[in-house]
Amino acid sequence: MGDALVSQEKLLKRAARERKEYKEKWECAMMELDFAKASEHVSDESECDACAVHMSNYVTLQSKYAKVLDERDELKSRPVLLGACKSCLGLRSELAEKTAKISLLEMASSEGTVVKCAK
């Protein structure tokens, strides 16, 4: 019976020590959580000014690129008309210009880069 009491006493001391360790860890974790909550800063602003400018520029470039692609598709759909008057110097230069623009756009779309068009 004495051995059982000694064993029980050892278990109680061990449990008290473990409780104290876990309580210290819990307090430390709570302090870290409070610190994290205090340092958290949530802005009411959804975007910064630079983001809005970049998005505006992106939309502008996207619409310009779409217009140029529409022109390209239109030109590709009319190769007979452009090829019929190869003797006309004005049409020949326009054809060369549009062909160069088409090749640049095809290259840009294959590379995934944005091409600046000179007007």
Protein backbone atom coordinates (compact mmCIF):
# COMPACT_ATOMS: atom_id res chain seq x y z
CA MET A 1 0.00 0.00 0.00
CA GLY A 2 2.88 2.33 0.72
CA ASP A 3 4.39 1.65 -2.70
CA ALA A 4 1.08 2.57 -4.34
CA LEU A 5 1.01 5.88 -2.45
CA VAL A 6 4.59 6.67 -3.45
CA SER A 7 3.81 5.82 -7.07
CA GLN A 8 0.67 7.94 -6.98
CA GLU A 9 2.61 10.83 -5.47
CA LYS A 10 5.21 10.60 -8.27
CA LEU A 11 2.43 10.63 -10.88
CA LEU A 12 0.83 13.69 -9.27
CA LYS A 13 4.16 15.57 -9.20
CA ARG A 14 4.80 14.64 -12.84
CA ALA A 15 1.30 15.76 -13.86
CA ALA A 16 1.74 19.06 -11.98
CA ARG A 17 5.09 19.67 -13.70
CA GLU A 18 3.62 18.88 -17.16
CA ARG A 19 0.65 21.14 -16.42
CA LYS A 20 3.00 23.97 -15.53
CA GLU A 21 5.02 23.45 -18.78
CA TYR A 22 1.88 23.39 -20.92
CA LYS A 23 0.52 26.47 -19.16
CA GLU A 24 3.76 28.35 -19.91
CA LYS A 25 3.61 27.26 -23.57
CA TRP A 26 -0.03 28.31 -23.75
CA GLU A 27 0.72 31.74 -22.25
CA CYS A 28 3.60 32.21 -24.70
CA ALA A 29 1.36 31.28 -27.63
CA MET A 30 -1.34 33.68 -26.42
CA MET A 31 1.22 36.51 -26.18
CA GLU A 32 2.40 35.78 -29.73
CA LEU A 33 -1.20 35.76 -30.93
CA ASP A 34 -1.93 39.08 -29.22
CA PHE A 35 1.21 40.55 -30.78
CA ALA A 36 0.17 39.31 -34.22
CA LYS A 37 -3.32 40.76 -33.79
CA ALA A 38 -1.92 44.10 -32.68
CA SER A 39 0.50 44.35 -35.59
CA GLU A 40 -2.12 43.40 -38.19
CA HIS A 41 -3.04 46.36 -40.34
CA VAL A 42 -5.93 46.05 -42.74
CA SER A 43 -6.34 48.84 -45.23
CA ASP A 44 -9.75 50.09 -46.31
CA GLU A 45 -8.28 50.85 -49.72
CA SER A 46 -8.77 48.02 -52.20
CA GLU A 47 -6.05 49.12 -54.63
CA CYS A 48 -3.18 51.53 -54.49
CA ASP A 49 -2.93 54.33 -57.04
CA ALA A 50 -0.14 52.56 -58.91
CA CYS A 51 -2.30 49.44 -59.32
CA ALA A 52 -5.14 51.50 -60.76
CA VAL A 53 -2.78 53.15 -63.25
CA HIS A 54 -1.32 49.80 -64.28
CA MET A 55 -4.77 48.30 -64.75
CA SER A 56 -5.85 51.29 -66.84
CA ASN A 57 -2.76 50.96 -69.03
CA TYR A 58 -3.35 47.24 -69.34
CA VAL A 59 -6.95 47.75 -70.48
CA THR A 60 -5.85 50.38 -73.02
CA LEU A 61 -3.16 48.11 -74.45
CA GLN A 62 -5.56 45.20 -74.54
CA SER A 63 -8.13 47.16 -76.54
CA LYS A 64 -5.46 48.43 -78.97
CA TYR A 65 -4.16 44.88 -79.42
CA ALA A 66 -7.70 43.61 -80.07
CA LYS A 67 -8.23 46.28 -82.76
CA VAL A 68 -4.98 45.35 -84.47
CA LEU A 69 -5.90 41.67 -84.36
CA ASP A 70 -9.27 42.51 -85.93
CA GLU A 71 -7.43 44.34 -88.71
CA ARG A 72 -5.18 41.34 -89.20
CA ASP A 73 -8.13 38.97 -89.41
CA GLU A 74 -9.82 41.27 -91.90
CA LEU A 75 -6.68 41.42 -94.04
CA LYS A 76 -6.23 37.67 -93.91
CA SER A 77 -9.81 37.20 -95.04
CA ARG A 78 -9.19 39.40 -98.14
CA PRO A 79 -5.95 38.11 -99.66
CA VAL A 80 -7.47 38.08 -103.15
CA LEU A 81 -8.22 41.80 -103.03
CA LEU A 82 -4.76 42.74 -101.83
CA GLY A 83 -3.04 40.41 -104.25
CA ALA A 84 -5.03 41.67 -107.25
CA CYS A 85 -3.38 45.09 -107.43
CA LYS A 86 0.28 44.34 -106.82
CA SER A 87 1.22 46.73 -109.60
CA CYS A 88 -0.07 49.77 -107.64
CA LEU A 89 2.83 51.27 -105.67
CA GLY A 90 0.58 52.67 -102.89
CA LEU A 91 -1.17 49.37 -102.31
CA ARG A 92 2.12 47.48 -102.48
CA SER A 93 3.63 49.63 -99.69
CA GLU A 94 0.45 49.30 -97.62
CA LEU A 95 0.52 45.55 -98.16
CA ALA A 96 4.17 45.40 -97.04
CA GLU A 97 3.37 47.48 -93.96
CA LYS A 98 0.41 45.32 -92.99
CA THR A 99 2.39 42.13 -93.64
CA ALA A 100 5.15 43.38 -91.33
CA LYS A 101 2.58 44.26 -88.67
CA ILE A 102 1.00 40.81 -89.00
CA SER A 103 4.36 39.08 -88.61
CA LEU A 104 5.15 41.20 -85.52
CA LEU A 105 1.80 40.34 -83.98
CA GLU A 106 2.20 36.65 -84.72
CA MET A 107 5.68 36.74 -83.19
CA ALA A 108 4.36 38.59 -80.13
CA SER A 109 1.47 36.20 -79.65
CA SER A 110 3.81 33.21 -79.87
CA GLU A 111 6.25 34.76 -77.38
CA GLY A 112 3.53 36.13 -75.07
CA THR A 113 4.95 39.66 -75.13
CA VAL A 114 3.26 42.97 -75.81
CA VAL A 115 4.31 44.79 -78.98
CA LYS A 116 4.19 48.59 -79.12
CA CYS A 117 2.79 49.72 -82.43
CA ALA A 118 4.17 52.88 -83.99
CA LYS A 119 1.45 55.04 -85.50
